[in-house]
């Protein structure tokens, strides 16, 4: 049981981190596209994507992943108590 919960937690945190990294990448691409349309150069940089992610994005991914895991855990506990009555 504990091994399954830990595996679910790791999967959720990883998925949320990837989600936040993807959102950060898309926002950087959109900002670079707007600058390209206005000024004529495309200032996209992978360094800025990862710098932004590692300064603030990973925190959101960790919190979201752990929060979803707690929600799933509480829902399973509630369902288990309902079925035992």
N, C-alpha and C. Protein backbone atom coordinates (compact mmCIF):
# COMPACT_ATOMS: atom_id res chain seq x y z
N UNK A 1 0.82 -1.19 0.00
CA UNK A 1 0.00 0.00 0.00
C UNK A 1 0.87 1.26 0.00
N UNK A 2 1.87 1.30 0.88
CA UNK A 2 2.74 2.47 0.96
C UNK A 2 3.56 2.63 -0.32
N UNK A 3 4.00 1.49 -0.89
CA UNK A 3 4.78 1.55 -2.12
C UNK A 3 3.94 2.10 -3.27
N UNK A 4 2.66 1.71 -3.35
CA UNK A 4 1.77 2.24 -4.39
C UNK A 4 1.54 3.73 -4.20
N UNK A 5 1.33 4.17 -2.98
CA UNK A 5 1.12 5.59 -2.71
C UNK A 5 2.34 6.41 -3.07
N UNK A 6 3.51 5.90 -2.76
CA UNK A 6 4.74 6.61 -3.09
C UNK A 6 4.94 6.69 -4.60
N UNK A 7 4.63 5.61 -5.31
CA UNK A 7 4.74 5.60 -6.75
C UNK A 7 3.76 6.60 -7.39
N UNK A 8 2.54 6.64 -6.88
CA UNK A 8 1.54 7.60 -7.37
C UNK A 8 2.01 9.03 -7.11
N UNK A 9 2.56 9.27 -5.93
CA UNK A 9 3.07 10.61 -5.59
C UNK A 9 4.17 11.03 -6.55
N UNK A 10 5.10 10.14 -6.82
CA UNK A 10 6.21 10.47 -7.72
C UNK A 10 5.69 10.75 -9.12
N UNK A 11 4.76 9.94 -9.61
CA UNK A 11 4.19 10.15 -10.94
C UNK A 11 3.45 11.48 -11.02
N UNK A 12 2.66 11.80 -10.00
CA UNK A 12 1.91 13.06 -10.01
C UNK A 12 2.83 14.27 -9.98
N UNK A 13 3.84 14.23 -9.13
CA UNK A 13 4.78 15.36 -9.04
C UNK A 13 5.52 15.52 -10.36
N UNK A 14 5.96 14.43 -10.95
CA UNK A 14 6.67 14.51 -12.22
C UNK A 14 5.76 15.07 -13.32
N UNK A 15 4.51 14.59 -13.38
CA UNK A 15 3.58 15.07 -14.39
C UNK A 15 3.29 16.56 -14.21
N UNK A 16 3.15 17.01 -12.98
CA UNK A 16 2.89 18.43 -12.74
C UNK A 16 4.11 19.29 -13.06
N UNK A 17 5.30 18.78 -12.78
CA UNK A 17 6.51 19.51 -13.15
C UNK A 17 6.62 19.66 -14.66
N UNK A 18 6.31 18.59 -15.39
CA UNK A 18 6.33 18.65 -16.85
C UNK A 18 5.27 19.63 -17.35
N UNK A 19 4.11 19.63 -16.71
CA UNK A 19 3.05 20.56 -17.09
C UNK A 19 3.50 22.00 -16.92
N UNK A 20 4.11 22.32 -15.79
CA UNK A 20 4.58 23.68 -15.56
C UNK A 20 5.72 24.06 -16.50
N UNK A 21 6.61 23.12 -16.80
CA UNK A 21 7.69 23.39 -17.75
C UNK A 21 7.13 23.65 -19.14
N UNK A 22 6.14 22.88 -19.54
CA UNK A 22 5.51 23.07 -20.84
C UNK A 22 4.80 24.43 -20.91
N UNK A 23 4.09 24.78 -19.86
CA UNK A 23 3.42 26.09 -19.83
C UNK A 23 4.45 27.22 -19.89
N UNK A 24 5.56 27.05 -19.22
CA UNK A 24 6.62 28.06 -19.26
C UNK A 24 7.22 28.16 -20.66
N UNK A 25 7.42 27.05 -21.31
CA UNK A 25 7.94 27.03 -22.67
C UNK A 25 6.98 27.73 -23.63
N UNK A 26 5.70 27.44 -23.52
CA UNK A 26 4.70 28.05 -24.40
C UNK A 26 4.64 29.55 -24.17
N UNK A 27 4.67 29.97 -22.91
CA UNK A 27 4.61 31.42 -22.66
C UNK A 27 5.86 32.13 -23.20
N UNK A 28 7.01 31.49 -23.09
CA UNK A 28 8.24 32.09 -23.64
C UNK A 28 8.18 32.16 -25.16
N UNK A 29 7.65 31.13 -25.79
CA UNK A 29 7.50 31.14 -27.24
C UNK A 29 6.53 32.22 -27.70
N UNK A 30 5.41 32.37 -26.99
CA UNK A 30 4.44 33.40 -27.35
C UNK A 30 5.03 34.80 -27.17
N UNK A 31 5.75 35.01 -26.10
CA UNK A 31 6.38 36.32 -25.88
C UNK A 31 7.41 36.61 -26.97
N UNK A 32 8.19 35.61 -27.34
CA UNK A 32 9.18 35.79 -28.40
C UNK A 32 8.50 36.05 -29.74
N UNK A 33 7.38 35.40 -29.99
CA UNK A 33 6.64 35.62 -31.22
C UNK A 33 6.09 37.05 -31.30
N UNK A 34 5.57 37.54 -30.19
CA UNK A 34 5.07 38.92 -30.15
C UNK A 34 6.21 39.91 -30.42
N UNK A 35 7.35 39.68 -29.80
CA UNK A 35 8.51 40.56 -30.04
C UNK A 35 8.95 40.46 -31.50
N UNK A 36 8.89 39.25 -32.06
CA UNK A 36 9.27 39.09 -33.47
C UNK A 36 8.33 39.88 -34.39
N UNK A 37 7.05 39.82 -34.10
CA UNK A 37 6.08 40.54 -34.93
C UNK A 37 6.22 42.05 -34.80
N UNK A 38 6.61 42.53 -33.62
CA UNK A 38 6.73 43.97 -33.40
C UNK A 38 8.09 44.53 -33.84
N UNK A 39 9.17 43.80 -33.55
CA UNK A 39 10.52 44.35 -33.76
C UNK A 39 11.34 43.64 -34.82
N UNK A 40 10.93 42.45 -35.21
CA UNK A 40 11.62 41.77 -36.29
C UNK A 40 12.73 40.81 -35.87
N UNK A 41 12.88 40.54 -34.58
CA UNK A 41 13.85 39.51 -34.17
C UNK A 41 13.20 38.58 -33.15
N UNK A 42 13.70 37.36 -33.08
CA UNK A 42 13.09 36.30 -32.27
C UNK A 42 14.02 35.98 -31.10
N UNK A 43 13.76 36.55 -29.92
CA UNK A 43 14.70 36.41 -28.81
C UNK A 43 14.48 35.17 -27.93
N UNK A 44 14.02 34.06 -28.50
CA UNK A 44 13.78 32.86 -27.71
C UNK A 44 15.09 32.28 -27.21
N UNK A 45 15.08 31.83 -25.95
CA UNK A 45 16.27 31.25 -25.36
C UNK A 45 15.87 30.12 -24.41
N UNK A 46 16.44 28.95 -24.62
CA UNK A 46 16.17 27.84 -23.71
C UNK A 46 16.67 28.17 -22.30
N UNK A 47 17.73 28.93 -22.22
CA UNK A 47 18.28 29.32 -20.92
C UNK A 47 17.24 30.07 -20.11
N UNK A 48 16.52 31.00 -20.75
CA UNK A 48 15.49 31.76 -20.03
C UNK A 48 14.31 30.87 -19.62
N UNK A 49 13.99 29.89 -20.45
CA UNK A 49 12.90 28.96 -20.11
C UNK A 49 13.26 28.20 -18.85
N UNK A 50 14.46 27.61 -18.82
CA UNK A 50 14.84 26.81 -17.66
C UNK A 50 15.14 27.67 -16.43
N UNK A 51 15.68 28.86 -16.63
CA UNK A 51 15.92 29.76 -15.50
C UNK A 51 14.62 30.13 -14.82
N UNK A 52 13.64 30.48 -15.62
CA UNK A 52 12.33 30.83 -15.07
C UNK A 52 11.69 29.63 -14.36
N UNK A 53 11.82 28.45 -14.96
CA UNK A 53 11.24 27.25 -14.35
C UNK A 53 11.92 26.93 -13.03
N UNK A 54 13.25 27.02 -12.99
CA UNK A 54 13.96 26.65 -11.77
C UNK A 54 13.90 27.72 -10.68
N UNK A 55 13.51 28.94 -11.03
CA UNK A 55 13.36 29.95 -9.98
C UNK A 55 11.99 29.94 -9.36
N UNK A 56 10.94 29.58 -10.13
CA UNK A 56 9.60 29.61 -9.53
C UNK A 56 8.68 28.50 -10.00
N UNK A 57 8.88 27.98 -11.19
CA UNK A 57 7.94 27.02 -11.76
C UNK A 57 7.90 25.68 -11.05
N UNK A 58 9.04 25.23 -10.57
CA UNK A 58 9.07 23.92 -9.92
C UNK A 58 8.27 23.91 -8.62
N UNK A 59 8.17 25.05 -7.97
CA UNK A 59 7.41 25.13 -6.71
C UNK A 59 5.94 24.84 -6.98
N UNK A 60 5.40 25.45 -8.02
CA UNK A 60 4.01 25.20 -8.38
C UNK A 60 3.77 23.76 -8.74
N UNK A 61 4.69 23.15 -9.48
CA UNK A 61 4.55 21.75 -9.84
C UNK A 61 4.58 20.83 -8.63
N UNK A 62 5.48 21.11 -7.70
CA UNK A 62 5.55 20.29 -6.49
C UNK A 62 4.28 20.42 -5.65
N UNK A 63 3.83 21.64 -5.46
CA UNK A 63 2.64 21.87 -4.65
C UNK A 63 1.41 21.24 -5.30
N UNK A 64 1.26 21.42 -6.61
CA UNK A 64 0.13 20.82 -7.31
C UNK A 64 0.17 19.30 -7.25
N UNK A 65 1.32 18.71 -7.47
CA UNK A 65 1.44 17.25 -7.41
C UNK A 65 1.12 16.69 -6.04
N UNK A 66 1.65 17.31 -5.00
CA UNK A 66 1.38 16.84 -3.64
C UNK A 66 -0.08 17.07 -3.28
N UNK A 67 -0.64 18.19 -3.70
CA UNK A 67 -2.04 18.48 -3.43
C UNK A 67 -2.97 17.47 -4.09
N UNK A 68 -2.69 17.12 -5.34
CA UNK A 68 -3.49 16.11 -6.02
C UNK A 68 -3.36 14.75 -5.35
N UNK A 69 -2.16 14.42 -4.91
CA UNK A 69 -1.96 13.14 -4.22
C UNK A 69 -2.76 13.10 -2.92
N UNK A 70 -2.78 14.18 -2.17
CA UNK A 70 -3.56 14.24 -0.92
C UNK A 70 -5.05 14.10 -1.23
N UNK A 71 -5.51 14.76 -2.28
CA UNK A 71 -6.92 14.66 -2.67
C UNK A 71 -7.28 13.23 -3.02
N UNK A 72 -6.44 12.55 -3.81
CA UNK A 72 -6.70 11.16 -4.17
C UNK A 72 -6.69 10.27 -2.93
N UNK A 73 -5.74 10.50 -2.05
CA UNK A 73 -5.64 9.70 -0.82
C UNK A 73 -6.88 9.87 0.05
N UNK A 74 -7.34 11.11 0.21
CA UNK A 74 -8.54 11.35 1.01
C UNK A 74 -9.78 10.75 0.36
N UNK A 75 -9.87 10.82 -0.97
CA UNK A 75 -11.01 10.23 -1.67
C UNK A 75 -11.04 8.71 -1.51
N UNK A 76 -9.88 8.07 -1.61
CA UNK A 76 -9.81 6.62 -1.40
C UNK A 76 -10.20 6.26 0.02
N UNK A 77 -9.75 7.04 0.97
CA UNK A 77 -10.08 6.79 2.38
C UNK A 77 -11.58 6.93 2.61
N UNK A 78 -12.17 7.96 2.01
CA UNK A 78 -13.62 8.18 2.14
C UNK A 78 -14.40 7.03 1.50
N UNK A 79 -13.97 6.58 0.33
CA UNK A 79 -14.64 5.48 -0.34
C UNK A 79 -14.52 4.18 0.46
N UNK A 80 -13.35 3.96 1.06
CA UNK A 80 -13.15 2.76 1.86
C UNK A 80 -14.07 2.76 3.09
N UNK A 81 -14.21 3.92 3.74
CA UNK A 81 -15.09 4.04 4.91
C UNK A 81 -16.55 3.87 4.51
N UNK A 82 -16.93 4.38 3.35
CA UNK A 82 -18.33 4.25 2.88
C UNK A 82 -18.66 2.80 2.55
N UNK A 83 -17.73 2.07 1.97
CA UNK A 83 -18.00 0.69 1.59
C UNK A 83 -18.00 -0.24 2.79
N UNK A 84 -17.33 0.13 3.87
CA UNK A 84 -17.30 -0.74 5.05
C UNK A 84 -18.57 -0.61 5.90
N UNK A 85 -19.33 0.43 5.70
CA UNK A 85 -20.54 0.62 6.51
C UNK A 85 -21.71 -0.14 5.98
